[in-house]
Amino acid sequence: MNNFLSATDGNISVRAGRDYVLTTASNTCKGKLIEKNIIKADLMGNKIQGNGLISSEFKLHKYIYEKRKDVNAVVHTHPVFATAFAAAGIALNKPVYPEVYIFFGKIPLAKYATPSTNEVPNSIAKLVKEHEAILLANHGLVTFGKTLEEAYFKTEKVEHIAEISFYARMLGGEKSLTKAQIKKLDKIKQQIVSIKK
């Protein structure tokens, strides 16, 4: 997982059918995944097949699938730079990088929630419909998309953005795009949306 996780942290899931998902088992190293570490579960979180326990963070995945019918994969990780921003209570929401503005808009920060509880899905309730990458305060990052590869690439992009932002702040801070620059980017965003339709 490209150093986005240590030991057995984090979890991954994929919607593999209308009524079930495949998800990594609890306490599993994602860098050494094998077939027996994958659990088939229904969308209520009941295990159908596989060894081990379903991650206690499955509540987060379940909530995203319920709220976003277009999402087929969820990746929850603890990348160093992104998690540093989450731990500092800082969202990546400044309009600084053209590519980030076009494809993410803002990367918001969800309020702190106790891991493994319903507080976690509740913390992203106001963010999940408008965003596909959310920092979890004092916790980590969750990304989601149409495919597992797409969700993973979003994780890579957020971590890259967070690292650049970290160093930019050491150099005096990021310089936000101007209103005129943002207006031009909005036109590009509209073109991309129309192409996708």
C-alpha atoms as a PDB file:
ATOM      1  CA  MET A   1       0.000   0.000   0.000  1.00  0.00           C
ATOM      2  CA  ASN A   2       2.844   2.380  -0.829  1.00  0.00           C
ATOM      3  CA  ASN A   3       3.622   3.086   2.859  1.00  0.00           C
ATOM      4  CA  PHE A   4       0.109   4.426   3.432  1.00  0.00           C
ATOM      5  CA  LEU A   5      -0.356   1.958   6.293  1.00  0.00           C
ATOM      6  CA  SER A   6       1.739   0.435   9.043  1.00  0.00           C
ATOM      7  CA  ALA A   7       1.410  -3.117  10.311  1.00  0.00           C
ATOM      8  CA  THR A   8      -2.265  -4.127  10.126  1.00  0.00           C
ATOM      9  CA  ASP A   9      -3.821  -0.650   9.979  1.00  0.00           C
ATOM     10  CA  GLY A  10      -6.540   0.402   7.547  1.00  0.00           C
ATOM     11  CA  ASN A  11      -9.028  -1.495   5.438  1.00  0.00           C
ATOM     12  CA  ILE A  12     -10.209  -1.851   1.861  1.00  0.00           C
ATOM     13  CA  SER A  13     -13.530  -2.935   0.405  1.00  0.00           C
ATOM     14  CA  VAL A  14     -15.107  -3.442  -3.004  1.00  0.00           C
ATOM     15  CA  ARG A  15     -18.787  -3.665  -3.867  1.00  0.00           C
ATOM     16  CA  ALA A  16     -18.787  -7.008  -5.688  1.00  0.00           C
ATOM     17  CA  GLY A  17     -22.516  -7.364  -6.231  1.00  0.00           C
ATOM     18  CA  ARG A  18     -25.731  -5.546  -5.555  1.00  0.00           C
ATOM     19  CA  ASP A  19     -26.049  -7.058  -2.100  1.00  0.00           C
ATOM     20  CA  TYR A  20     -22.516  -7.789  -0.916  1.00  0.00           C
ATOM     21  CA  VAL A  21     -18.930  -6.545  -0.693  1.00  0.00           C
ATOM     22  CA  LEU A  22     -15.469  -8.036  -0.441  1.00  0.00           C
ATOM     23  CA  THR A  23     -13.453  -6.519   2.398  1.00  0.00           C
ATOM     24  CA  THR A  24     -10.110  -7.055   4.079  1.00  0.00           C
ATOM     25  CA  ALA A  25     -10.265  -9.000   7.323  1.00  0.00           C
ATOM     26  CA  SER A  26      -9.469  -7.296  10.600  1.00  0.00           C
ATOM     27  CA  ASN A  27      -5.854  -7.387  11.797  1.00  0.00           C
ATOM     28  CA  THR A  28      -4.473  -8.084   8.310  1.00  0.00           C
ATOM     29  CA  CYS A  29      -1.322  -6.617   6.767  1.00  0.00           C
ATOM     30  CA  LYS A  30      -2.459  -5.119   3.451  1.00  0.00           C
ATOM     31  CA  GLY A  31       1.008  -5.591   1.983  1.00  0.00           C
ATOM     32  CA  LYS A  32       0.682  -9.366   2.384  1.00  0.00           C
ATOM     33  CA  LEU A  33      -2.927  -9.892   1.345  1.00  0.00           C
ATOM     34  CA  ILE A  34      -3.885 -13.362   0.178  1.00  0.00           C
ATOM     35  CA  GLU A  35      -7.274 -14.760  -0.768  1.00  0.00           C
ATOM     36  CA  LYS A  36      -8.062 -16.073   2.717  1.00  0.00           C
ATOM     37  CA  ASN A  37      -7.719 -12.521   4.116  1.00  0.00           C
ATOM     38  CA  ILE A  38     -10.690 -11.366   2.033  1.00  0.00           C
ATOM     39  CA  ILE A  39     -14.147 -11.620   3.568  1.00  0.00           C
ATOM     40  CA  LYS A  40     -17.408 -11.650   1.662  1.00  0.00           C
ATOM     41  CA  ALA A  41     -20.044  -9.746   3.635  1.00  0.00           C
ATOM     42  CA  ASP A  42     -23.517  -8.406   3.068  1.00  0.00           C
ATOM     43  CA  LEU A  43     -24.165  -4.682   3.230  1.00  0.00           C
ATOM     44  CA  MET A  44     -25.327  -5.016   6.830  1.00  0.00           C
ATOM     45  CA  GLY A  45     -21.864  -6.194   7.813  1.00  0.00           C
ATOM     46  CA  ASN A  46     -22.703  -9.883   8.261  1.00  0.00           C
ATOM     47  CA  LYS A  47     -19.979 -12.288   7.183  1.00  0.00           C
ATOM     48  CA  ILE A  48     -21.011 -14.639   4.386  1.00  0.00           C
ATOM     49  CA  GLN A  49     -17.677 -16.266   3.642  1.00  0.00           C
ATOM     50  CA  GLY A  50     -13.993 -16.056   4.566  1.00  0.00           C
ATOM     51  CA  ASN A  51     -11.638 -16.360   7.509  1.00  0.00           C
ATOM     52  CA  GLY A  52     -11.216 -13.876  10.332  1.00  0.00           C
ATOM     53  CA  LEU A  53     -13.331 -10.982  11.525  1.00  0.00           C
ATOM     54  CA  ILE A  54     -14.803  -8.099   9.572  1.00  0.00           C
ATOM     55  CA  SER A  55     -12.999  -4.871  10.399  1.00  0.00           C
ATOM     56  CA  SER A  56     -14.654  -2.771  13.078  1.00  0.00           C
ATOM     57  CA  GLU A  57     -14.294   0.123  10.598  1.00  0.00           C
ATOM     58  CA  PHE A  58     -16.691  -1.570   8.168  1.00  0.00           C
ATOM     59  CA  LYS A  59     -19.352   0.836   9.460  1.00  0.00           C
ATOM     60  CA  LEU A  60     -17.573   3.594   7.530  1.00  0.00           C
ATOM     61  CA  HIS A  61     -17.547   1.577   4.301  1.00  0.00           C
ATOM     62  CA  LYS A  62     -21.184   0.531   4.723  1.00  0.00           C
ATOM     63  CA  TYR A  63     -22.265   4.126   5.196  1.00  0.00           C
ATOM     64  CA  ILE A  64     -20.462   5.290   2.055  1.00  0.00           C
ATOM     65  CA  TYR A  65     -22.017   2.513  -0.042  1.00  0.00           C
ATOM     66  CA  GLU A  66     -25.461   3.382   1.293  1.00  0.00           C
ATOM     67  CA  LYS A  67     -25.123   7.096   0.515  1.00  0.00           C
ATOM     68  CA  ARG A  68     -23.257   6.785  -2.793  1.00  0.00           C
ATOM     69  CA  LYS A  69     -24.700   4.277  -5.260  1.00  0.00           C
ATOM     70  CA  ASP A  70     -21.990   5.309  -7.748  1.00  0.00           C
ATOM     71  CA  VAL A  71     -19.222   4.134  -5.398  1.00  0.00           C
ATOM     72  CA  ASN A  72     -17.874   0.592  -5.730  1.00  0.00           C
ATOM     73  CA  ALA A  73     -14.674   0.794  -3.682  1.00  0.00           C
ATOM     74  CA  VAL A  74     -13.537   2.349  -0.395  1.00  0.00           C
ATOM     75  CA  VAL A  75      -9.932   2.700   0.810  1.00  0.00           C
ATOM     76  CA  HIS A  76      -9.186   3.754   4.395  1.00  0.00           C
ATOM     77  CA  THR A  77      -5.524   4.454   5.154  1.00  0.00           C
ATOM     78  CA  HIS A  78      -3.186   6.432   7.427  1.00  0.00           C
ATOM     79  CA  PRO A  79      -0.727   8.135   5.037  1.00  0.00           C
ATOM     80  CA  VAL A  80       1.892  10.141   6.940  1.00  0.00           C
ATOM     81  CA  PHE A  81       1.378  13.614   5.490  1.00  0.00           C
ATOM     82  CA  ALA A  82      -2.392  13.430   5.037  1.00  0.00           C
ATOM     83  CA  THR A  83      -2.771  12.049   8.553  1.00  0.00           C
ATOM     84  CA  ALA A  84      -0.483  14.783   9.896  1.00  0.00           C
ATOM     85  CA  PHE A  85      -2.911  17.374   8.518  1.00  0.00           C
ATOM     86  CA  ALA A  86      -5.826  15.400   9.993  1.00  0.00           C
ATOM     87  CA  ALA A  87      -4.061  15.243  13.363  1.00  0.00           C
ATOM     88  CA  ALA A  88      -3.402  18.989  13.249  1.00  0.00           C
ATOM     89  CA  GLY A  89      -7.062  19.650  12.433  1.00  0.00           C
ATOM     90  CA  ILE A  90      -6.240  21.202   9.056  1.00  0.00           C
ATOM     91  CA  ALA A  91      -8.303  20.515   5.931  1.00  0.00           C
ATOM     92  CA  LEU A  92      -6.695  20.621   2.498  1.00  0.00           C
ATOM     93  CA  ASN A  93      -9.301  23.047   1.256  1.00  0.00           C
ATOM     94  CA  LYS A  94      -7.360  25.998  -0.139  1.00  0.00           C
ATOM     95  CA  PRO A  95      -7.624  26.501  -3.927  1.00  0.00           C
ATOM     96  CA  VAL A  96      -3.887  26.142  -4.586  1.00  0.00           C
ATOM     97  CA  TYR A  97      -3.284  23.377  -7.127  1.00  0.00           C
ATOM     98  CA  PRO A  98      -5.213  23.493 -10.440  1.00  0.00           C
ATOM     99  CA  GLU A  99      -5.456  19.690 -10.785  1.00  0.00           C
ATOM    100  CA  VAL A 100      -6.691  19.330  -7.212  1.00  0.00           C
ATOM    101  CA  TYR A 101      -9.285  22.060  -7.661  1.00  0.00           C
ATOM    102  CA  ILE A 102     -10.568  20.448 -10.874  1.00  0.00           C
ATOM    103  CA  PHE A 103     -10.744  16.858  -9.667  1.00  0.00           C
ATOM    104  CA  PHE A 104     -11.333  17.197  -5.903  1.00  0.00           C
ATOM    105  CA  GLY A 105     -12.495  20.714  -5.251  1.00  0.00           C
ATOM    106  CA  LYS A 106     -11.668  20.681  -1.554  1.00  0.00           C
ATOM    107  CA  ILE A 107     -10.419  17.858   0.636  1.00  0.00           C
ATOM    108  CA  PRO A 108     -12.408  18.451   3.811  1.00  0.00           C
ATOM    109  CA  LEU A 109     -11.720  17.447   7.393  1.00  0.00           C
ATOM    110  CA  ALA A 110     -14.387  15.434   9.204  1.00  0.00           C
ATOM    111  CA  LYS A 111     -14.744  16.128  12.915  1.00  0.00           C
ATOM    112  CA  TYR A 112     -13.138  13.713  15.372  1.00  0.00           C
ATOM    113  CA  ALA A 113     -14.950  10.405  15.833  1.00  0.00           C
ATOM    114  CA  THR A 114     -14.087   7.467  18.067  1.00  0.00           C
ATOM    115  CA  PRO A 115     -12.760   4.673  15.803  1.00  0.00           C
ATOM    116  CA  SER A 116     -14.916   1.557  15.405  1.00  0.00           C
ATOM    117  CA  THR A 117     -18.090   3.373  16.513  1.00  0.00           C
ATOM    118  CA  ASN A 118     -21.041   4.890  14.664  1.00  0.00           C
ATOM    119  CA  GLU A 119     -19.450   8.259  15.330  1.00  0.00           C
ATOM    120  CA  VAL A 120     -17.184   7.625  12.316  1.00  0.00           C
ATOM    121  CA  PRO A 121     -19.898   7.383   9.638  1.00  0.00           C
ATOM    122  CA  ASN A 122     -21.807  10.180  11.372  1.00  0.00           C
ATOM    123  CA  SER A 123     -18.716  12.400  11.135  1.00  0.00           C
ATOM    124  CA  ILE A 124     -18.719  12.257   7.320  1.00  0.00           C
ATOM    125  CA  ALA A 125     -22.503  12.594   6.894  1.00  0.00           C
ATOM    126  CA  LYS A 126     -22.349  16.176   5.614  1.00  0.00           C
ATOM    127  CA  LEU A 127     -19.353  15.478   3.367  1.00  0.00           C
ATOM    128  CA  VAL A 128     -19.896  12.116   1.692  1.00  0.00           C
ATOM    129  CA  LYS A 129     -22.203  13.274  -1.107  1.00  0.00           C
ATOM    130  CA  GLU A 130     -19.982  16.119  -2.312  1.00  0.00           C
ATOM    131  CA  HIS A 131     -16.503  14.626  -1.838  1.00  0.00           C
ATOM    132  CA  GLU A 132     -14.576  11.444  -2.618  1.00  0.00           C
ATOM    133  CA  ALA A 133     -11.603  12.076  -0.332  1.00  0.00           C
ATOM    134  CA  ILE A 134     -12.084  13.023   3.315  1.00  0.00           C
ATOM    135  CA  LEU A 135      -9.535  13.551   6.078  1.00  0.00           C
ATOM    136  CA  LEU A 136     -10.653  11.981   9.359  1.00  0.00           C
ATOM    137  CA  ALA A 137      -9.587  14.133  12.309  1.00  0.00           C
ATOM    138  CA  ASN A 138      -6.851  12.503  14.443  1.00  0.00           C
ATOM    139  CA  HIS A 139      -7.298   9.327  12.423  1.00  0.00           C
ATOM    140  CA  GLY A 140      -6.418   9.195   8.729  1.00  0.00           C
ATOM    141  CA  LEU A 141      -7.944   9.335   5.279  1.00  0.00           C
ATOM    142  CA  VAL A 142     -10.817   7.704   3.414  1.00  0.00           C
ATOM    143  CA  THR A 143     -11.152   7.778  -0.371  1.00  0.00           C
ATOM    144  CA  PHE A 144     -13.748   6.162  -2.598  1.00  0.00           C
ATOM    145  CA  GLY A 145     -14.591   5.758  -6.259  1.00  0.00           C
ATOM    146  CA  LYS A 146     -16.136   3.706  -9.029  1.00  0.00           C
ATOM    147  CA  THR A 147     -13.273   1.191  -8.975  1.00  0.00           C
ATOM    148  CA  LEU A 148     -10.656   0.052  -6.485  1.00  0.00           C
ATOM    149  CA  GLU A 149      -7.906   1.484  -8.672  1.00  0.00           C
ATOM    150  CA  GLU A 150      -9.655   4.868  -8.782  1.00  0.00           C
ATOM    151  CA  ALA A 151     -10.096   4.941  -4.993  1.00  0.00           C
ATOM    152  CA  TYR A 152      -6.443   3.956  -4.505  1.00  0.00           C
ATOM    153  CA  PHE A 153      -5.200   6.616  -6.942  1.00  0.00           C
ATOM    154  CA  LYS A 154      -7.172   9.221  -4.987  1.00  0.00           C
ATOM    155  CA  THR A 155      -5.286   8.116  -1.877  1.00  0.00           C
ATOM    156  CA  GLU A 156      -1.997   8.609  -3.731  1.00  0.00           C
ATOM    157  CA  LYS A 157      -3.063  12.040  -4.958  1.00  0.00           C
ATOM    158  CA  VAL A 158      -4.189  13.249  -1.528  1.00  0.00           C
ATOM    159  CA  GLU A 159      -0.949  12.120   0.090  1.00  0.00           C
ATOM    160  CA  HIS A 160       1.058  13.852  -2.646  1.00  0.00           C
ATOM    161  CA  ILE A 161      -0.945  17.054  -2.166  1.00  0.00           C
ATOM    162  CA  ALA A 162      -0.499  16.866   1.610  1.00  0.00           C
ATOM    163  CA  GLU A 163       3.268  16.428   1.274  1.00  0.00           C
ATOM    164  CA  ILE A 164       3.575  19.389  -1.109  1.00  0.00           C
ATOM    165  CA  SER A 165       1.381  21.491   1.193  1.00  0.00           C
ATOM    166  CA  PHE A 166       3.536  20.565   4.177  1.00  0.00           C
ATOM    167  CA  TYR A 167       6.720  21.737   2.454  1.00  0.00           C
ATOM    168  CA  ALA A 168       5.021  24.814   0.984  1.00  0.00           C
ATOM    169  CA  ARG A 169       4.079  25.875   4.520  1.00  0.00           C
ATOM    170  CA  MET A 170       7.704  25.517   5.590  1.00  0.00           C
ATOM    171  CA  LEU A 171       8.548  27.931   2.765  1.00  0.00           C
ATOM    172  CA  GLY A 172       6.029  30.527   3.876  1.00  0.00           C
ATOM    173  CA  GLY A 173       2.701  29.018   2.881  1.00  0.00           C
ATOM    174  CA  GLU A 174       0.780  28.096  -0.228  1.00  0.00           C
ATOM    175  CA  LYS A 175      -0.357  30.882  -2.548  1.00  0.00           C
ATOM    176  CA  SER A 176      -4.036  30.510  -3.346  1.00  0.00           C
ATOM    177  CA  LEU A 177      -5.269  30.794  -6.910  1.00  0.00           C
ATOM    178  CA  THR A 178      -6.933  34.081  -7.814  1.00  0.00           C
ATOM    179  CA  LYS A 179     -10.652  34.409  -8.592  1.00  0.00           C
ATOM    180  CA  ALA A 180      -9.796  34.880 -12.272  1.00  0.00           C
ATOM    181  CA  GLN A 181      -7.692  31.698 -12.285  1.00  0.00           C
ATOM    182  CA  ILE A 182     -10.461  29.761 -10.526  1.00  0.00           C
ATOM    183  CA  LYS A 183     -13.022  31.019 -13.056  1.00  0.00           C
ATOM    184  CA  LYS A 184     -10.933  29.543 -15.884  1.00  0.00           C
ATOM    185  CA  LEU A 185     -10.625  26.250 -14.014  1.00  0.00           C
ATOM    186  CA  ASP A 186     -14.401  26.153 -13.510  1.00  0.00           C
ATOM    187  CA  LYS A 187     -14.828  26.169 -17.305  1.00  0.00           C
ATOM    188  CA  ILE A 188     -12.463  23.209 -17.579  1.00  0.00           C
ATOM    189  CA  LYS A 189     -14.386  21.394 -14.829  1.00  0.00           C
ATOM    190  CA  GLN A 190     -17.648  21.910 -16.731  1.00  0.00           C
ATOM    191  CA  GLN A 191     -16.079  20.507 -19.907  1.00  0.00           C
ATOM    192  CA  ILE A 192     -14.864  17.421 -18.039  1.00  0.00           C
ATOM    193  CA  VAL A 193     -18.289  16.854 -16.478  1.00  0.00           C
ATOM    194  CA  SER A 194     -20.022  17.149 -19.873  1.00  0.00           C
ATOM    195  CA  ILE A 195     -17.561  14.653 -21.418  1.00  0.00           C
ATOM    196  CA  LYS A 196     -18.218  12.151 -18.611  1.00  0.00           C
ATOM    197  CA  LYS A 197     -21.966  12.387 -19.267  1.00  0.00           C
END
